[in-house]
Every structure is written in C-alpha cells, then in structure tokens.
C-alpha cells in the first residue's frame, strides 16, 4: 500500500483547532470511530502538533493510541521568533504527557525559527532515543542544509521535511528531489488545501464563514478552480473513486508522503479505496496544466516563504 500519514489538525477544540481553522466543532466519538476505521484500513502513521487546538488534539489522539503500540507517531514544537532556552524540551515533555508516550517516532521543529539553537537543544533527546527521528517543517533548501550540517557534526541525520505542497502550491519539486536523493523523507501537508480540492466545496457550497479557511480560500478562488475540479472529477469517475483522492495520488506521484486529515470514517474508507491506483502520465500532466492555469499559489499566513 502507498505510504500515507494521517493528519489531525482539524481535531483540537482550542485556539488553532477545528472551529477556528475549519469552522466546525468535531465530535470526539466520531473522531474515535474515524481513528479505528483508519487503523483497520492499515493507516498506522499519525501526525499531530502541540499548537493544534493548543494541546487538545494531542490529548485526544493520546487517548486513542494508548492500546496501539504499532502506531508511528509524529508531533511538533512551534518555536517563537526569538530563541528561548529550554522551550523545545518543555514542549516535548508536555507533548509526551498528553500523548501518553515516553518517546516519539518523529519530532518536528514546526517553523525553522532559531533553527541552529533549537536543533542543538533537541540533540540530547535524539541521542537518548526519546526522539527517534528529527524533522523540520516549513523549511527552505537552505534550512535543510543547515539542519544537515548541525546534526552531521553529532553523527546524526535529518529524518524528514514537512512542507505545504499541492496542485495549487506546486513549487517544491527541487526540495522534494533533494530530500529523496539524500534519504530525507518529504511529507506534504495541505494537499487538499483544507478541502478546497476535495470536490466537496465550490463557490456556491462554500466553507463556513467563520473559519480561517474561508478567508484563505474565498469564493473568487473557487471560481478559478472550477475547471480543475471538473477535470479531477472526470478522472476520479474513471477509477470509481472520490474526487478528493486525485490530488493525493498526484502528490504521491511527485515523490512525497501526503498528510491527509480525516474527521469521518468515510474519509478513511475513501483513502483506502484509492491506494492501489496509479494515475497515468497523461492524467497527471492534465491536472497539473489545469492547476497552473488557475494562476493560484496558495500560502498559509504562518509560512516563512
């Protein structure tokens, strides 16, 4: 089966959680069923962060994974603009408490602020085995090389990069190619642009008004992607899968591991239904061409570039 990471950004209830970002509060019981469905479908890689719902997402995921030793778990520390000694270690310990773990498979520096200092602070946790692999999110190629240099001096390796990558943010290929050539796993987030590329929404059926994704992707942008959404639906119909799977399969074809959020059991089922499908070069070229025609380069307010 193709490699996928399941994302949980839409789960948390606090700041930067489900209501603020996505415009809807999630039901914990439905999320638990979604988790169990995903596990039963073979999706064992799970991603969260301390800032998703300001800890509430980690707490919820932690309650779900307590009986699952086979889960590959990743979480993140969001550094402030100015380095604060001990902040990474404190965040790590708090995350482990919420997740109910003593160690984590993959730990991210969420934004490359004070990268040298924060990576240096993480090194003792890596050497002790509590951080099994270290990654950087929202990183430039220069950031990656800086991280490799710092870790290399300690005979350690940069494990992963997690950046925004989608049909509407298709400028990451040099970084993806560098990562794949150097044994660094590249994880792509916002592959579905928070639902804009899922086929569920349109200018007429728009995002909830009081949500950050509504302001990031207004109705005017939906009008620009109408043809792209139509082309994706035609391809999806050919394979008898949901339109939401086309951007995911495209991202996989580019050499990435997509991080896909799920909030309903059906999301996991749709994801599983597409994992044996490989799009043709002609289909991939077509959707890329239509995406380019939109003229959209989507960028989050938190992204440094």
Protein backbone atom coordinates (compact mmCIF):
# COMPACT_ATOMS: atom_id res chain seq x y z
CA UNK A 1 0.00 0.00 0.00
CA UNK A 2 1.17 3.55 -0.74
CA UNK A 3 2.54 5.44 2.26
CA UNK A 4 0.20 7.97 3.86
CA UNK A 5 0.36 10.00 7.08
CA UNK A 6 -2.97 10.75 8.77
CA UNK A 7 -3.25 14.34 10.00
CA UNK A 8 -5.25 15.55 12.98
CA UNK A 9 -5.17 19.35 12.66
CA UNK A 10 -8.99 19.51 12.49
CA UNK A 11 -9.45 17.62 15.77
CA UNK A 12 -8.48 20.06 18.52
CA UNK A 13 -11.02 22.31 20.26
CA UNK A 14 -8.88 25.23 21.37
CA UNK A 15 -7.06 28.00 19.50
CA UNK A 16 -5.82 26.79 16.09
CA UNK A 17 -8.34 23.97 16.36
CA UNK A 18 -11.38 22.74 14.49
CA UNK A 19 -13.75 25.69 14.98
CA UNK A 20 -11.22 28.45 14.35
CA UNK A 21 -9.50 26.89 11.35
CA UNK A 22 -12.19 24.71 9.79
CA UNK A 23 -15.39 26.34 11.02
CA UNK A 24 -16.90 23.30 12.70
CA UNK A 25 -16.53 21.51 16.02
CA UNK A 26 -15.73 17.82 15.79
CA UNK A 27 -17.50 15.11 17.77
CA UNK A 28 -14.97 13.04 19.80
CA UNK A 29 -16.93 9.81 19.30
CA UNK A 30 -16.95 10.30 15.52
CA UNK A 31 -13.22 11.02 15.61
CA UNK A 32 -12.65 7.83 17.60
CA UNK A 33 -14.59 5.83 15.01
CA UNK A 34 -12.58 7.56 12.29
CA UNK A 35 -9.35 6.61 14.03
CA UNK A 36 -10.44 2.98 14.40
CA UNK A 37 -11.55 2.80 10.77
CA UNK A 38 -8.23 4.20 9.60
CA UNK A 39 -6.30 1.71 11.74
CA UNK A 40 -8.38 -1.16 10.39
CA UNK A 41 -7.60 0.02 6.86
CA UNK A 42 -3.88 -0.15 7.64
CA UNK A 43 -3.13 3.55 8.18
CA UNK A 44 -0.70 3.47 11.11
CA UNK A 45 1.21 6.76 10.61
CA UNK A 46 -0.27 9.64 12.61
CA UNK A 47 0.69 13.31 12.77
CA UNK A 48 -0.25 15.98 15.29
CA UNK A 49 1.27 19.10 16.89
CA UNK A 50 1.33 20.97 20.17
CA UNK A 51 -0.36 24.00 18.58
CA UNK A 52 -3.27 22.06 17.08
CA UNK A 53 -6.01 23.12 19.43
CA UNK A 54 -3.25 24.15 21.85
CA UNK A 55 -2.70 20.64 23.18
CA UNK A 56 -6.29 19.36 22.92
CA UNK A 57 -5.54 17.47 19.71
CA UNK A 58 -2.57 15.65 21.27
CA UNK A 59 -4.67 14.76 24.31
CA UNK A 60 -7.44 13.29 22.16
CA UNK A 61 -5.07 11.35 19.93
CA UNK A 62 -3.21 10.14 23.00
CA UNK A 63 -6.43 8.66 24.39
CA UNK A 64 -6.97 6.77 21.11
CA UNK A 65 -3.46 5.33 20.70
CA UNK A 66 -2.94 4.03 24.24
CA UNK A 67 -3.74 0.46 23.20
CA UNK A 68 -1.89 0.64 19.88
CA UNK A 69 1.84 0.01 20.12
CA UNK A 70 2.15 -0.24 16.34
CA UNK A 71 1.34 3.45 15.71
CA UNK A 72 4.06 5.57 14.09
CA UNK A 73 3.63 8.92 15.82
CA UNK A 74 4.81 12.39 14.94
CA UNK A 75 4.29 15.69 16.74
CA UNK A 76 5.76 19.18 16.65
CA UNK A 77 7.24 22.04 18.64
CA UNK A 78 6.45 25.58 17.44
CA UNK A 79 9.32 27.90 18.38
CA UNK A 80 8.84 31.61 18.92
CA UNK A 81 10.70 34.07 16.70
CA UNK A 82 13.38 34.56 19.34
CA UNK A 83 15.09 31.51 20.78
CA UNK A 84 14.03 30.60 24.31
CA UNK A 85 16.36 28.18 26.04
CA UNK A 86 14.51 25.11 27.29
CA UNK A 87 11.31 25.82 25.33
CA UNK A 88 11.79 22.85 22.99
CA UNK A 89 12.48 20.47 25.86
CA UNK A 90 9.49 21.78 27.81
CA UNK A 91 7.21 21.44 24.78
CA UNK A 92 8.49 17.92 24.12
CA UNK A 93 7.79 16.79 27.69
CA UNK A 94 4.31 18.33 27.65
CA UNK A 95 3.54 16.65 24.33
CA UNK A 96 4.69 13.27 25.64
CA UNK A 97 2.46 13.66 28.68
CA UNK A 98 -0.57 14.49 26.54
CA UNK A 99 0.17 11.64 24.13
CA UNK A 100 0.91 9.15 26.87
CA UNK A 101 4.32 8.27 25.44
CA UNK A 102 7.91 8.40 26.69
CA UNK A 103 9.29 8.78 23.17
CA UNK A 104 8.12 9.79 19.72
CA UNK A 105 8.95 8.34 16.31
CA UNK A 106 9.27 11.72 14.60
CA UNK A 107 9.58 15.13 16.26
CA UNK A 108 9.34 18.32 14.23
CA UNK A 109 10.57 21.86 14.62
CA UNK A 110 7.33 23.32 13.28
CA UNK A 111 8.84 26.54 11.89
CA UNK A 112 12.61 26.98 11.35
CA UNK A 113 12.97 29.89 13.77
CA UNK A 114 16.36 29.88 15.53
CA UNK A 115 16.98 26.58 13.79
CA UNK A 116 20.57 26.09 14.97
CA UNK A 117 19.71 26.67 18.62
CA UNK A 118 16.56 24.55 18.63
CA UNK A 119 18.19 21.65 16.80
CA UNK A 120 21.09 21.78 19.23
CA UNK A 121 18.65 21.59 22.13
CA UNK A 122 16.98 18.56 20.54
CA UNK A 123 20.24 16.62 20.19
CA UNK A 124 20.31 15.18 23.76
CA UNK A 125 16.72 13.93 23.27
CA UNK A 126 17.74 12.32 19.98
CA UNK A 127 20.81 10.68 21.48
CA UNK A 128 18.79 9.34 24.42
CA UNK A 129 16.34 7.73 21.99
CA UNK A 130 13.34 9.72 23.11
CA UNK A 131 13.25 11.43 19.71
CA UNK A 132 13.76 8.63 17.22
CA UNK A 133 13.90 10.93 14.20
CA UNK A 134 14.02 14.72 13.86
CA UNK A 135 12.36 16.80 11.16
CA UNK A 136 11.81 20.41 10.14
CA UNK A 137 8.54 21.81 8.82
CA UNK A 138 8.08 24.85 6.55
CA UNK A 139 11.74 24.60 5.56
CA UNK A 140 13.68 26.07 2.65
CA UNK A 141 16.54 24.25 0.95
CA UNK A 142 18.97 26.42 2.93
CA UNK A 143 17.21 25.40 6.17
CA UNK A 144 17.58 21.74 5.20
CA UNK A 145 21.29 22.08 4.54
CA UNK A 146 21.76 23.98 7.80
CA UNK A 147 19.96 21.21 9.70
CA UNK A 148 22.08 18.55 7.98
CA UNK A 149 25.26 20.37 8.94
CA UNK A 150 24.28 20.79 12.61
CA UNK A 151 23.14 17.20 13.01
CA UNK A 152 26.02 15.82 10.96
CA UNK A 153 28.54 17.21 13.45
CA UNK A 154 26.95 14.87 16.02
CA UNK A 155 26.79 11.93 13.57
CA UNK A 156 23.02 12.35 13.43
CA UNK A 157 20.78 12.57 10.39
CA UNK A 158 17.89 14.81 9.40
CA UNK A 159 14.94 12.44 9.08
CA UNK A 160 12.19 14.40 7.38
CA UNK A 161 10.84 17.61 5.93
CA UNK A 162 7.16 18.62 6.06
CA UNK A 163 6.10 21.42 3.72
CA UNK A 164 2.98 22.80 2.09
CA UNK A 165 2.61 21.09 -1.29
CA UNK A 166 -0.42 20.80 -3.53
CA UNK A 167 -1.66 21.34 -7.06
CA UNK A 168 -2.09 24.98 -6.00
CA UNK A 169 1.33 25.18 -4.32
CA UNK A 170 3.42 23.28 -6.83
CA UNK A 171 6.84 24.89 -6.33
CA UNK A 172 8.50 22.32 -4.09
CA UNK A 173 9.98 19.86 -6.59
CA UNK A 174 13.64 20.95 -6.10
CA UNK A 175 13.27 20.37 -2.35
CA UNK A 176 11.42 17.08 -2.88
CA UNK A 177 14.13 15.86 -5.26
CA UNK A 178 16.90 16.92 -2.85
CA UNK A 179 15.20 15.09 0.04
CA UNK A 180 14.66 11.91 -1.94
CA UNK A 181 18.26 11.97 -3.19
CA UNK A 182 19.61 12.35 0.35
CA UNK A 183 17.48 9.88 2.31
CA UNK A 184 15.21 12.53 3.83
CA UNK A 185 11.50 11.73 3.76
CA UNK A 186 9.33 14.52 2.37
CA UNK A 187 5.87 14.86 3.89
CA UNK A 188 3.36 17.05 2.02
CA UNK A 189 0.74 18.89 4.04
CA UNK A 190 -2.41 20.71 2.82
CA UNK A 191 -2.52 18.51 -0.26
CA UNK A 192 -6.29 19.11 -0.39
CA UNK A 193 -5.95 22.80 0.58
CA UNK A 194 -8.13 22.31 3.66
CA UNK A 195 -10.89 20.88 1.49
CA UNK A 196 -10.79 23.29 -1.45
CA UNK A 197 -9.51 20.48 -3.71
CA UNK A 198 -11.70 17.76 -2.22
CA UNK A 199 -14.55 18.26 -4.68
CA UNK A 200 -16.96 18.81 -1.80
CA UNK A 201 -16.91 22.61 -1.88
CA UNK A 202 -17.49 25.28 -4.54
CA UNK A 203 -18.32 28.98 -4.86
CA UNK A 204 -21.96 28.03 -4.24
CA UNK A 205 -21.27 25.50 -1.48
CA UNK A 206 -18.57 27.41 0.32
CA UNK A 207 -16.56 26.99 3.54
CA UNK A 208 -18.15 28.02 6.85
CA UNK A 209 -17.99 31.83 7.04
CA UNK A 210 -16.38 31.99 10.48
CA UNK A 211 -13.30 29.93 9.65
CA UNK A 212 -9.78 30.83 8.60
CA UNK A 213 -10.04 28.61 5.52
CA UNK A 214 -12.95 30.74 4.30
CA UNK A 215 -10.70 33.80 4.27
CA UNK A 216 -7.75 31.89 2.82
CA UNK A 217 -9.87 30.47 0.00
CA UNK A 218 -12.75 32.84 -0.84
CA UNK A 219 -15.45 32.26 -3.44
CA UNK A 220 -13.42 34.13 -6.08
CA UNK A 221 -10.71 31.45 -5.87
CA UNK A 222 -13.25 28.66 -6.19
CA UNK A 223 -14.42 30.19 -9.46
CA UNK A 224 -10.83 29.99 -10.71
CA UNK A 225 -10.56 26.26 -9.97
CA UNK A 226 -13.91 25.14 -11.41
CA UNK A 227 -12.30 23.58 -14.50
CA UNK A 228 -9.61 21.88 -12.40
CA UNK A 229 -12.26 20.37 -10.11
CA UNK A 230 -14.23 19.19 -13.14
CA UNK A 231 -11.18 17.50 -14.69
CA UNK A 232 -10.37 15.80 -11.38
CA UNK A 233 -13.94 14.50 -11.12
CA UNK A 234 -13.77 13.03 -14.62
CA UNK A 235 -10.57 11.17 -13.76
CA UNK A 236 -11.99 10.02 -10.42
CA UNK A 237 -15.12 8.69 -12.13
CA UNK A 238 -12.94 6.66 -14.48
CA UNK A 239 -11.42 4.83 -11.50
CA UNK A 240 -14.63 4.79 -9.45
CA UNK A 241 -13.07 6.75 -6.59
CA UNK A 242 -13.88 10.06 -4.89
CA UNK A 243 -12.53 13.28 -6.44
CA UNK A 244 -10.69 14.01 -3.21
CA UNK A 245 -8.28 11.18 -3.98
CA UNK A 246 -6.92 12.66 -7.20
CA UNK A 247 -4.74 15.38 -5.56
CA UNK A 248 -3.50 12.75 -3.10
CA UNK A 249 -2.46 10.35 -5.86
CA UNK A 250 -0.84 13.25 -7.70
CA UNK A 251 1.20 14.19 -4.60
CA UNK A 252 2.36 10.58 -4.21
CA UNK A 253 3.47 10.53 -7.84
CA UNK A 254 5.71 13.55 -7.15
CA UNK A 255 7.74 11.64 -4.55
CA UNK A 256 6.00 12.76 -1.36
CA UNK A 257 4.19 11.19 1.57
CA UNK A 258 0.88 13.09 1.82
CA UNK A 259 -0.52 14.05 5.20
CA UNK A 260 -4.28 13.67 4.93
CA UNK A 261 -6.72 14.84 7.56
CA UNK A 262 -9.71 12.69 8.43
CA UNK A 263 -12.69 13.56 10.62
CA UNK A 264 -15.17 10.88 9.48
CA UNK A 265 -14.87 7.10 8.99
CA UNK A 266 -15.81 7.62 5.33
CA UNK A 267 -12.66 9.70 4.83
CA UNK A 268 -10.50 6.72 5.78
CA UNK A 269 -12.57 4.43 3.58
CA UNK A 270 -12.22 6.73 0.58
CA UNK A 271 -8.49 6.92 1.16
CA UNK A 272 -8.15 3.15 1.31
CA UNK A 273 -10.17 2.70 -1.87
CA UNK A 274 -7.59 4.61 -3.93
CA UNK A 275 -4.34 3.17 -2.64
CA UNK A 276 -3.92 0.60 -5.42
CA UNK A 277 -4.48 3.17 -8.17
CA UNK A 278 -1.69 4.87 -10.10
CA UNK A 279 -2.62 7.76 -12.38
CA UNK A 280 -1.23 7.81 -15.92
CA UNK A 281 1.32 10.39 -17.04
CA UNK A 282 -1.34 11.93 -19.30
CA UNK A 283 -3.75 12.30 -16.37
CA UNK A 284 -1.06 13.78 -14.13
CA UNK A 285 0.01 16.24 -16.83
CA UNK A 286 -3.60 17.27 -17.44
CA UNK A 287 -4.41 18.14 -13.84
CA UNK A 288 -1.08 19.96 -13.44
CA UNK A 289 -1.82 22.00 -16.56
CA UNK A 290 -5.27 22.93 -15.30
CA UNK A 291 -3.87 23.81 -11.88
CA UNK A 292 -1.27 26.10 -13.48
CA UNK A 293 -4.00 27.84 -15.49
CA UNK A 294 -5.72 28.93 -12.27
CA UNK A 295 -2.81 31.26 -11.51
CA UNK A 296 -3.15 30.46 -7.79
CA UNK A 297 -0.19 29.99 -5.46
CA UNK A 298 -1.72 29.20 -2.10
CA UNK A 299 0.24 30.16 1.01
CA UNK A 300 -0.52 29.98 4.71
CA UNK A 301 -0.05 33.06 6.89
CA UNK A 302 2.38 31.07 9.06
CA UNK A 303 4.67 30.08 6.21
CA UNK A 304 8.03 31.89 6.18
CA UNK A 305 8.21 31.87 2.36
